[in-house]
Amino acid sequence: MIAKGGYVYIVSNPKRTVLYTGVTSNLYSRATDHKNGRGGTFSSKYVCTDLIYFEFIDDIESAILREKQIKKWKRAWKERLINEFNPSWRDLYNEIENYQ
């Protein structure tokens, strides 16, 4: 059996007041779900449609652990992570079509 990696990602609402951290094995498909309001209860309620951060991790189990770690962080720590990766906090959705 070949281990498959995963993506840890953060989506936000258009005003960037809400951050949602998730994990997936197919970033483009999951980001499309968020874009179309099918991301889940929390992200749908708070209109978290814009992908502003992601990282790839070689195995899904480690990706899940990383997601849990980030979810526990204070907002300021998440903002620092986003700023290092995506300083303008632009929506990266149109740049990830091949991230599956």
PDB file of N, CA and C in Angstrom:
ATOM      1  N   MET A   1       0.846  -1.193   0.000  1.00  0.00           N
ATOM      2  CA  MET A   1       0.000   0.000   0.000  1.00  0.00           C
ATOM      3  C   MET A   1       0.882   1.243   0.000  1.00  0.00           C
ATOM      4  N   ILE A   2       0.574   2.172  -0.858  1.00  0.00           N
ATOM      5  CA  ILE A   2       1.325   3.416  -0.975  1.00  0.00           C
ATOM      6  C   ILE A   2       0.658   4.473  -0.098  1.00  0.00           C
ATOM      7  N   ALA A   3       1.435   5.065   0.785  1.00  0.00           N
ATOM      8  CA  ALA A   3       0.902   6.133   1.641  1.00  0.00           C
ATOM      9  C   ALA A   3       0.686   7.383   0.795  1.00  0.00           C
ATOM     10  N   LYS A   4      -0.390   8.060   1.069  1.00  0.00           N
ATOM     11  CA  LYS A   4      -0.715   9.274   0.340  1.00  0.00           C
ATOM     12  C   LYS A   4      -0.638  10.459   1.280  1.00  0.00           C
ATOM     13  N   GLY A   5      -0.095  11.547   0.800  1.00  0.00           N
ATOM     14  CA  GLY A   5       0.045  12.749   1.611  1.00  0.00           C
ATOM     15  C   GLY A   5      -1.257  13.515   1.754  1.00  0.00           C
ATOM     16  N   GLY A   6      -1.153  14.622   2.439  1.00  0.00           N
ATOM     17  CA  GLY A   6      -2.324  15.450   2.655  1.00  0.00           C
ATOM     18  C   GLY A   6      -1.956  16.920   2.746  1.00  0.00           C
ATOM     19  N   TYR A   7      -2.960  17.744   2.628  1.00  0.00           N
ATOM     20  CA  TYR A   7      -2.793  19.190   2.715  1.00  0.00           C
ATOM     21  C   TYR A   7      -3.488  19.705   3.967  1.00  0.00           C
ATOM     22  N   VAL A   8      -2.806  20.555   4.692  1.00  0.00           N
ATOM     23  CA  VAL A   8      -3.429  21.323   5.753  1.00  0.00           C
ATOM     24  C   VAL A   8      -3.696  22.694   5.129  1.00  0.00           C
ATOM     25  N   TYR A   9      -4.879  23.231   5.351  1.00  0.00           N
ATOM     26  CA  TYR A   9      -5.227  24.485   4.693  1.00  0.00           C
ATOM     27  C   TYR A   9      -6.006  25.393   5.632  1.00  0.00           C
ATOM     28  N   ILE A  10      -6.017  26.668   5.293  1.00  0.00           N
ATOM     29  CA  ILE A  10      -6.826  27.645   6.018  1.00  0.00           C
ATOM     30  C   ILE A  10      -7.658  28.395   4.999  1.00  0.00           C
ATOM     31  N   VAL A  11      -8.961  28.464   5.258  1.00  0.00           N
ATOM     32  CA  VAL A  11      -9.867  29.273   4.448  1.00  0.00           C
ATOM     33  C   VAL A  11     -10.405  30.396   5.327  1.00  0.00           C
ATOM     34  N   SER A  12     -10.842  31.463   4.669  1.00  0.00           N
ATOM     35  CA  SER A  12     -11.357  32.619   5.395  1.00  0.00           C
ATOM     36  C   SER A  12     -12.554  33.202   4.652  1.00  0.00           C
ATOM     37  N   ASN A  13     -13.258  34.066   5.345  1.00  0.00           N
ATOM     38  CA  ASN A  13     -14.355  34.787   4.706  1.00  0.00           C
ATOM     39  C   ASN A  13     -13.778  35.988   3.951  1.00  0.00           C
ATOM     40  N   PRO A  14     -14.558  36.621   3.079  1.00  0.00           N
ATOM     41  CA  PRO A  14     -14.022  37.732   2.280  1.00  0.00           C
ATOM     42  C   PRO A  14     -13.440  38.886   3.106  1.00  0.00           C
ATOM     43  N   LYS A  15     -13.978  39.149   4.291  1.00  0.00           N
ATOM     44  CA  LYS A  15     -13.452  40.236   5.128  1.00  0.00           C
ATOM     45  C   LYS A  15     -12.265  39.802   5.988  1.00  0.00           C
ATOM     46  N   ARG A  16     -11.905  38.518   5.928  1.00  0.00           N
ATOM     47  CA  ARG A  16     -10.763  37.942   6.659  1.00  0.00           C
ATOM     48  C   ARG A  16     -10.920  38.025   8.183  1.00  0.00           C
ATOM     49  N   THR A  17     -12.148  37.982   8.653  1.00  0.00           N
ATOM     50  CA  THR A  17     -12.398  38.026  10.095  1.00  0.00           C
ATOM     51  C   THR A  17     -12.509  36.643  10.724  1.00  0.00           C
ATOM     52  N   VAL A  18     -12.688  35.605   9.897  1.00  0.00           N
ATOM     53  CA  VAL A  18     -12.841  34.237  10.390  1.00  0.00           C
ATOM     54  C   VAL A  18     -11.821  33.354   9.686  1.00  0.00           C
ATOM     55  N   LEU A  19     -11.187  32.462  10.453  1.00  0.00           N
ATOM     56  CA  LEU A  19     -10.236  31.496   9.895  1.00  0.00           C
ATOM     57  C   LEU A  19     -10.718  30.096  10.223  1.00  0.00           C
ATOM     58  N   TYR A  20     -10.676  29.225   9.215  1.00  0.00           N
ATOM     59  CA  TYR A  20     -11.017  27.817   9.420  1.00  0.00           C
ATOM     60  C   TYR A  20      -9.851  26.967   8.932  1.00  0.00           C
ATOM     61  N   THR A  21      -9.385  26.071   9.763  1.00  0.00           N
ATOM     62  CA  THR A  21      -8.280  25.169   9.410  1.00  0.00           C
ATOM     63  C   THR A  21      -8.834  23.778   9.131  1.00  0.00           C
ATOM     64  N   GLY A  22      -8.386  23.175   8.034  1.00  0.00           N
ATOM     65  CA  GLY A  22      -8.843  21.837   7.676  1.00  0.00           C
ATOM     66  C   GLY A  22      -7.709  21.000   7.100  1.00  0.00           C
ATOM     67  N   VAL A  23      -8.039  19.752   6.784  1.00  0.00           N
ATOM     68  CA  VAL A  23      -7.073  18.831   6.188  1.00  0.00           C
ATOM     69  C   VAL A  23      -7.781  18.042   5.089  1.00  0.00           C
ATOM     70  N   THR A  24      -7.052  17.714   4.032  1.00  0.00           N
ATOM     71  CA  THR A  24      -7.638  16.982   2.909  1.00  0.00           C
ATOM     72  C   THR A  24      -6.546  16.281   2.111  1.00  0.00           C
ATOM     73  N   SER A  25      -6.915  15.267   1.380  1.00  0.00           N
ATOM     74  CA  SER A  25      -5.963  14.621   0.482  1.00  0.00           C
ATOM     75  C   SER A  25      -6.048  15.216  -0.932  1.00  0.00           C
ATOM     76  N   ASN A  26      -7.096  15.995  -1.211  1.00  0.00           N
ATOM     77  CA  ASN A  26      -7.268  16.624  -2.525  1.00  0.00           C
ATOM     78  C   ASN A  26      -7.616  18.098  -2.313  1.00  0.00           C
ATOM     79  N   LEU A  27      -6.605  18.939  -2.364  1.00  0.00           N
ATOM     80  CA  LEU A  27      -6.784  20.356  -2.045  1.00  0.00           C
ATOM     81  C   LEU A  27      -7.753  21.054  -2.991  1.00  0.00           C
ATOM     82  N   TYR A  28      -7.624  20.807  -4.277  1.00  0.00           N
ATOM     83  CA  TYR A  28      -8.483  21.502  -5.233  1.00  0.00           C
ATOM     84  C   TYR A  28      -9.954  21.138  -5.028  1.00  0.00           C
ATOM     85  N   SER A  29     -10.232  19.867  -4.855  1.00  0.00           N
ATOM     86  CA  SER A  29     -11.606  19.423  -4.646  1.00  0.00           C
ATOM     87  C   SER A  29     -12.189  20.024  -3.363  1.00  0.00           C
ATOM     88  N   ARG A  30     -11.397  20.013  -2.297  1.00  0.00           N
ATOM     89  CA  ARG A  30     -11.879  20.536  -1.016  1.00  0.00           C
ATOM     90  C   ARG A  30     -12.071  22.044  -1.086  1.00  0.00           C
ATOM     91  N   ALA A  31     -11.155  22.751  -1.732  1.00  0.00           N
ATOM     92  CA  ALA A  31     -11.290  24.204  -1.886  1.00  0.00           C
ATOM     93  C   ALA A  31     -12.528  24.537  -2.725  1.00  0.00           C
ATOM     94  N   THR A  32     -12.806  23.704  -3.723  1.00  0.00           N
ATOM     95  CA  THR A  32     -14.011  23.893  -4.538  1.00  0.00           C
ATOM     96  C   THR A  32     -15.257  23.715  -3.670  1.00  0.00           C
ATOM     97  N   ASP A  33     -15.237  22.718  -2.786  1.00  0.00           N
ATOM     98  CA  ASP A  33     -16.358  22.549  -1.853  1.00  0.00           C
ATOM     99  C   ASP A  33     -16.578  23.815  -1.038  1.00  0.00           C
ATOM    100  N   HIS A  34     -15.505  24.360  -0.490  1.00  0.00           N
ATOM    101  CA  HIS A  34     -15.635  25.594   0.306  1.00  0.00           C
ATOM    102  C   HIS A  34     -16.167  26.739  -0.554  1.00  0.00           C
ATOM    103  N   LYS A  35     -15.666  26.868  -1.772  1.00  0.00           N
ATOM    104  CA  LYS A  35     -16.123  27.930  -2.689  1.00  0.00           C
ATOM    105  C   LYS A  35     -17.624  27.862  -2.916  1.00  0.00           C
ATOM    106  N   ASN A  36     -18.138  26.644  -2.959  1.00  0.00           N
ATOM    107  CA  ASN A  36     -19.551  26.433  -3.269  1.00  0.00           C
ATOM    108  C   ASN A  36     -20.422  26.239  -2.024  1.00  0.00           C
ATOM    109  N   GLY A  37     -19.890  26.599  -0.853  1.00  0.00           N
ATOM    110  CA  GLY A  37     -20.672  26.527   0.372  1.00  0.00           C
ATOM    111  C   GLY A  37     -20.879  25.131   0.918  1.00  0.00           C
ATOM    112  N   ARG A  38     -20.047  24.179   0.475  1.00  0.00           N
ATOM    113  CA  ARG A  38     -20.168  22.795   0.930  1.00  0.00           C
ATOM    114  C   ARG A  38     -18.988  22.379   1.800  1.00  0.00           C
ATOM    115  N   GLY A  39     -18.359  23.344   2.459  1.00  0.00           N
ATOM    116  CA  GLY A  39     -17.169  23.044   3.238  1.00  0.00           C
ATOM    117  C   GLY A  39     -17.440  22.370   4.558  1.00  0.00           C
ATOM    118  N   GLY A  40     -18.620  22.547   5.078  1.00  0.00           N
ATOM    119  CA  GLY A  40     -18.962  22.006   6.387  1.00  0.00           C
ATOM    120  C   GLY A  40     -19.779  23.032   7.153  1.00  0.00           C
ATOM    121  N   THR A  41     -20.264  22.646   8.312  1.00  0.00           N
ATOM    122  CA  THR A  41     -21.164  23.509   9.074  1.00  0.00           C
ATOM    123  C   THR A  41     -20.527  24.845   9.430  1.00  0.00           C
ATOM    124  N   PHE A  42     -19.354  24.814  10.060  1.00  0.00           N
ATOM    125  CA  PHE A  42     -18.705  26.051  10.498  1.00  0.00           C
ATOM    126  C   PHE A  42     -18.340  26.938   9.320  1.00  0.00           C
ATOM    127  N   SER A  43     -17.636  26.379   8.346  1.00  0.00           N
ATOM    128  CA  SER A  43     -17.158  27.199   7.229  1.00  0.00           C
ATOM    129  C   SER A  43     -18.311  27.721   6.377  1.00  0.00           C
ATOM    130  N   SER A  44     -19.400  26.967   6.280  1.00  0.00           N
ATOM    131  CA  SER A  44     -20.565  27.454   5.542  1.00  0.00           C
ATOM    132  C   SER A  44     -21.249  28.583   6.304  1.00  0.00           C
ATOM    133  N   LYS A  45     -21.416  28.397   7.612  1.00  0.00           N
ATOM    134  CA  LYS A  45     -22.073  29.412   8.449  1.00  0.00           C
ATOM    135  C   LYS A  45     -21.336  30.744   8.383  1.00  0.00           C
ATOM    136  N   TYR A  46     -20.006  30.698   8.401  1.00  0.00           N
ATOM    137  CA  TYR A  46     -19.205  31.922   8.420  1.00  0.00           C
ATOM    138  C   TYR A  46     -18.634  32.294   7.052  1.00  0.00           C
ATOM    139  N   VAL A  47     -19.151  31.679   5.994  1.00  0.00           N
ATOM    140  CA  VAL A  47     -18.814  31.986   4.600  1.00  0.00           C
ATOM    141  C   VAL A  47     -17.296  31.958   4.364  1.00  0.00           C
ATOM    142  N   CYS A  48     -16.659  30.908   4.827  1.00  0.00           N
ATOM    143  CA  CYS A  48     -15.218  30.734   4.625  1.00  0.00           C
ATOM    144  C   CYS A  48     -14.994  30.089   3.263  1.00  0.00           C
ATOM    145  N   THR A  49     -14.854  30.923   2.248  1.00  0.00           N
ATOM    146  CA  THR A  49     -14.775  30.453   0.869  1.00  0.00           C
ATOM    147  C   THR A  49     -13.406  30.657   0.229  1.00  0.00           C
ATOM    148  N   ASP A  50     -12.546  31.452   0.850  1.00  0.00           N
ATOM    149  CA  ASP A  50     -11.282  31.830   0.225  1.00  0.00           C
ATOM    150  C   ASP A  50     -10.105  31.062   0.824  1.00  0.00           C
ATOM    151  N   LEU A  51      -9.372  30.360  -0.021  1.00  0.00           N
ATOM    152  CA  LEU A  51      -8.186  29.619   0.402  1.00  0.00           C
ATOM    153  C   LEU A  51      -7.036  30.605   0.556  1.00  0.00           C
ATOM    154  N   ILE A  52      -6.519  30.749   1.786  1.00  0.00           N
ATOM    155  CA  ILE A  52      -5.451  31.726   2.005  1.00  0.00           C
ATOM    156  C   ILE A  52      -4.133  31.098   2.456  1.00  0.00           C
ATOM    157  N   TYR A  53      -4.158  29.796   2.772  1.00  0.00           N
ATOM    158  CA  TYR A  53      -2.940  29.117   3.209  1.00  0.00           C
ATOM    159  C   TYR A  53      -3.070  27.625   2.952  1.00  0.00           C
ATOM    160  N   PHE A  54      -1.954  26.985   2.614  1.00  0.00           N
ATOM    161  CA  PHE A  54      -1.918  25.518   2.562  1.00  0.00           C
ATOM    162  C   PHE A  54      -0.492  25.040   2.656  1.00  0.00           C
ATOM    163  N   GLU A  55      -0.343  23.819   3.101  1.00  0.00           N
ATOM    164  CA  GLU A  55       0.961  23.149   3.114  1.00  0.00           C
ATOM    165  C   GLU A  55       0.735  21.672   2.834  1.00  0.00           C
ATOM    166  N   PHE A  56       1.674  21.068   2.142  1.00  0.00           N
ATOM    167  CA  PHE A  56       1.602  19.644   1.836  1.00  0.00           C
ATOM    168  C   PHE A  56       2.457  18.880   2.832  1.00  0.00           C
ATOM    169  N   ILE A  57       1.933  17.769   3.322  1.00  0.00           N
ATOM    170  CA  ILE A  57       2.663  16.900   4.243  1.00  0.00           C
ATOM    171  C   ILE A  57       2.641  15.491   3.649  1.00  0.00           C
ATOM    172  N   ASP A  58       3.783  14.825   3.692  1.00  0.00           N
ATOM    173  CA  ASP A  58       3.980  13.556   2.991  1.00  0.00           C
ATOM    174  C   ASP A  58       3.007  12.435   3.328  1.00  0.00           C
ATOM    175  N   ASP A  59       2.528  12.381   4.560  1.00  0.00           N
ATOM    176  CA  ASP A  59       1.556  11.337   4.872  1.00  0.00           C
ATOM    177  C   ASP A  59       0.360  11.945   5.590  1.00  0.00           C
ATOM    178  N   ILE A  60      -0.795  11.382   5.332  1.00  0.00           N
ATOM    179  CA  ILE A  60      -2.052  11.954   5.810  1.00  0.00           C
ATOM    180  C   ILE A  60      -2.134  11.954   7.334  1.00  0.00           C
ATOM    181  N   GLU A  61      -1.562  10.958   7.980  1.00  0.00           N
ATOM    182  CA  GLU A  61      -1.608  10.928   9.448  1.00  0.00           C
ATOM    183  C   GLU A  61      -0.876  12.128  10.040  1.00  0.00           C
ATOM    184  N   SER A  62       0.269  12.462   9.479  1.00  0.00           N
ATOM    185  CA  SER A  62       1.018  13.637   9.944  1.00  0.00           C
ATOM    186  C   SER A  62       0.275  14.924   9.606  1.00  0.00           C
ATOM    187  N   ALA A  63      -0.407  14.932   8.467  1.00  0.00           N
ATOM    188  CA  ALA A  63      -1.199  16.106   8.093  1.00  0.00           C
ATOM    189  C   ALA A  63      -2.325  16.334   9.104  1.00  0.00           C
ATOM    190  N   ILE A  64      -2.961  15.257   9.532  1.00  0.00           N
ATOM    191  CA  ILE A  64      -4.038  15.369  10.521  1.00  0.00           C
ATOM    192  C   ILE A  64      -3.486  15.902  11.847  1.00  0.00           C
ATOM    193  N   LEU A  65      -2.322  15.428  12.246  1.00  0.00           N
ATOM    194  CA  LEU A  65      -1.697  15.927  13.473  1.00  0.00           C
ATOM    195  C   LEU A  65      -1.366  17.416  13.352  1.00  0.00           C
ATOM    196  N   ARG A  66      -0.868  17.826  12.183  1.00  0.00           N
ATOM    197  CA  ARG A  66      -0.546  19.244  11.954  1.00  0.00           C
ATOM    198  C   ARG A  66      -1.814  20.095  12.001  1.00  0.00           C
ATOM    199  N   GLU A  67      -2.890  19.612  11.411  1.00  0.00           N
ATOM    200  CA  GLU A  67      -4.160  20.349  11.451  1.00  0.00           C
ATOM    201  C   GLU A  67      -4.596  20.557  12.903  1.00  0.00           C
ATOM    202  N   LYS A  68      -4.538  19.507  13.702  1.00  0.00           N
ATOM    203  CA  LYS A  68      -4.938  19.605  15.114  1.00  0.00           C
ATOM    204  C   LYS A  68      -4.053  20.603  15.857  1.00  0.00           C
ATOM    205  N   GLN A  69      -2.763  20.590  15.530  1.00  0.00           N
ATOM    206  CA  GLN A  69      -1.834  21.529  16.156  1.00  0.00           C
ATOM    207  C   GLN A  69      -2.226  22.971  15.832  1.00  0.00           C
ATOM    208  N   ILE A  70      -2.435  23.267  14.556  1.00  0.00           N
ATOM    209  CA  ILE A  70      -2.763  24.630  14.133  1.00  0.00           C
ATOM    210  C   ILE A  70      -4.103  25.070  14.707  1.00  0.00           C
ATOM    211  N   LYS A  71      -5.074  24.175  14.756  1.00  0.00           N
ATOM    212  CA  LYS A  71      -6.383  24.523  15.301  1.00  0.00           C
ATOM    213  C   LYS A  71      -6.289  25.006  16.750  1.00  0.00           C
ATOM    214  N   LYS A  72      -5.301  24.528  17.488  1.00  0.00           N
ATOM    215  CA  LYS A  72      -5.138  24.928  18.890  1.00  0.00           C
ATOM    216  C   LYS A  72      -4.438  26.281  19.036  1.00  0.00           C
ATOM    217  N   TRP A  73      -3.819  26.758  17.979  1.00  0.00           N
ATOM    218  CA  TRP A  73      -3.052  27.996  18.038  1.00  0.00           C
ATOM    219  C   TRP A  73      -3.939  29.210  18.260  1.00  0.00           C
ATOM    220  N   LYS A  74      -3.331  30.243  18.840  1.00  0.00           N
ATOM    221  CA  LYS A  74      -3.974  31.550  18.930  1.00  0.00           C
ATOM    222  C   LYS A  74      -4.054  32.133  17.528  1.00  0.00           C
ATOM    223  N   ARG A  75      -5.013  33.028  17.332  1.00  0.00           N
ATOM    224  CA  ARG A  75      -5.184  33.644  16.019  1.00  0.00           C
ATOM    225  C   ARG A  75      -3.896  34.333  15.552  1.00  0.00           C
ATOM    226  N   ALA A  76      -3.206  35.005  16.447  1.00  0.00           N
ATOM    227  CA  ALA A  76      -1.975  35.718  16.065  1.00  0.00           C
ATOM    228  C   ALA A  76      -0.945  34.773  15.458  1.00  0.00           C
ATOM    229  N   TRP A  77      -0.855  33.560  15.978  1.00  0.00           N
ATOM    230  CA  TRP A  77       0.094  32.586  15.434  1.00  0.00           C
ATOM    231  C   TRP A  77      -0.329  32.158  14.030  1.00  0.00           C
ATOM    232  N   LYS A  78      -1.642  31.966  13.843  1.00  0.00           N
ATOM    233  CA  LYS A  78      -2.150  31.601  12.511  1.00  0.00           C
ATOM    234  C   LYS A  78      -1.898  32.741  11.528  1.00  0.00           C
ATOM    235  N   GLU A  79      -2.108  33.976  11.985  1.00  0.00           N
ATOM    236  CA  GLU A  79      -1.874  35.129  11.110  1.00  0.00           C
ATOM    237  C   GLU A  79      -0.411  35.198  10.686  1.00  0.00           C
ATOM    238  N   ARG A  80       0.503  34.902  11.596  1.00  0.00           N
ATOM    239  CA  ARG A  80       1.930  34.911  11.260  1.00  0.00           C
ATOM    240  C   ARG A  80       2.239  33.845  10.209  1.00  0.00           C
ATOM    241  N   LEU A  81       1.652  32.657  10.368  1.00  0.00           N
ATOM    242  CA  LEU A  81       1.834  31.574   9.402  1.00  0.00           C
ATOM    243  C   LEU A  81       1.328  31.998   8.018  1.00  0.00           C
ATOM    244  N   ILE A  82       0.155  32.594   7.984  1.00  0.00           N
ATOM    245  CA  ILE A  82      -0.421  33.061   6.716  1.00  0.00           C
ATOM    246  C   ILE A  82       0.435  34.162   6.105  1.00  0.00           C
ATOM    247  N   ASN A  83       0.852  35.124   6.922  1.00  0.00           N
ATOM    248  CA  ASN A  83       1.655  36.245   6.418  1.00  0.00           C
ATOM    249  C   ASN A  83       2.961  35.793   5.790  1.00  0.00           C
ATOM    250  N   GLU A  84       3.577  34.748   6.349  1.00  0.00           N
ATOM    251  CA  GLU A  84       4.829  34.236   5.787  1.00  0.00           C
ATOM    252  C   GLU A  84       4.602  33.558   4.439  1.00  0.00           C
ATOM    253  N   PHE A  85       3.451  32.934   4.286  1.00  0.00           N
ATOM    254  CA  PHE A  85       3.134  32.174   3.071  1.00  0.00           C
ATOM    255  C   PHE A  85       2.435  33.026   2.015  1.00  0.00           C
ATOM    256  N   ASN A  86       1.573  33.912   2.456  1.00  0.00           N
ATOM    257  CA  ASN A  86       0.684  34.666   1.561  1.00  0.00           C
ATOM    258  C   ASN A  86       0.472  36.066   2.166  1.00  0.00           C
ATOM    259  N   PRO A  87       1.482  36.947   2.071  1.00  0.00           N
ATOM    260  CA  PRO A  87       1.441  38.239   2.757  1.00  0.00           C
ATOM    261  C   PRO A  87       0.220  39.109   2.442  1.00  0.00           C
ATOM    262  N   SER A  88      -0.329  38.991   1.252  1.00  0.00           N
ATOM    263  CA  SER A  88      -1.488  39.816   0.887  1.00  0.00           C
ATOM    264  C   SER A  88      -2.821  39.150   1.236  1.00  0.00           C
ATOM    265  N   TRP A  89      -2.757  37.927   1.747  1.00  0.00           N
ATOM    266  CA  TRP A  89      -3.956  37.159   2.105  1.00  0.00           C
ATOM    267  C   TRP A  89      -4.904  37.020   0.905  1.00  0.00           C
ATOM    268  N   ARG A  90      -4.341  36.934  -0.298  1.00  0.00           N
ATOM    269  CA  ARG A  90      -5.180  36.785  -1.490  1.00  0.00           C
ATOM    270  C   ARG A  90      -5.759  35.367  -1.532  1.00  0.00           C
ATOM    271  N   ASP A  91      -6.864  35.231  -2.219  1.00  0.00           N
ATOM    272  CA  ASP A  91      -7.486  33.922  -2.416  1.00  0.00           C
ATOM    273  C   ASP A  91      -6.629  33.139  -3.417  1.00  0.00           C
ATOM    274  N   LEU A  92      -6.142  31.985  -3.002  1.00  0.00           N
ATOM    275  CA  LEU A  92      -5.234  31.177  -3.826  1.00  0.00           C
ATOM    276  C   LEU A  92      -5.960  30.144  -4.686  1.00  0.00           C
ATOM    277  N   TYR A  93      -7.266  30.141  -4.630  1.00  0.00           N
ATOM    278  CA  TYR A  93      -8.048  29.105  -5.308  1.00  0.00           C
ATOM    279  C   TYR A  93      -7.671  28.938  -6.780  1.00  0.00           C
ATOM    280  N   ASN A  94      -7.538  30.030  -7.501  1.00  0.00           N
ATOM    281  CA  ASN A  94      -7.265  29.937  -8.941  1.00  0.00           C
ATOM    282  C   ASN A  94      -5.843  29.478  -9.251  1.00  0.00           C
ATOM    283  N   GLU A  95      -5.016  29.318  -8.230  1.00  0.00           N
ATOM    284  CA  GLU A  95      -3.629  28.901  -8.430  1.00  0.00           C
ATOM    285  C   GLU A  95      -3.389  27.433  -8.096  1.00  0.00           C
ATOM    286  N   ILE A  96      -4.421  26.703  -7.694  1.00  0.00           N
ATOM    287  CA  ILE A  96      -4.218  25.345  -7.191  1.00  0.00           C
ATOM    288  C   ILE A  96      -4.924  24.259  -7.998  1.00  0.00           C
ATOM    289  N   GLU A  97      -5.310  24.541  -9.194  1.00  0.00           N
ATOM    290  CA  GLU A  97      -6.062  23.570  -9.989  1.00  0.00           C
ATOM    291  C   GLU A  97      -5.384  22.209 -10.083  1.00  0.00           C
ATOM    292  N   ASN A  98      -4.059  22.192 -10.064  1.00  0.00           N
ATOM    293  CA  ASN A  98      -3.339  20.915 -10.201  1.00  0.00           C
ATOM    294  C   ASN A  98      -2.944  20.283  -8.860  1.00  0.00           C
ATOM    295  N   TYR A  99      -3.424  20.825  -7.757  1.00  0.00           N
ATOM    296  CA  TYR A  99      -3.098  20.303  -6.430  1.00  0.00           C
ATOM    297  C   TYR A  99      -4.140  19.284  -6.002  1.00  0.00           C
ATOM    298  N   GLN A 100      -3.928  18.023  -6.415  1.00  0.00           N
ATOM    299  CA  GLN A 100      -4.928  17.000  -6.127  1.00  0.00           C
ATOM    300  C   GLN A 100      -4.365  15.899  -5.281  1.00  0.00           C
TER     301      GLN A 100
END
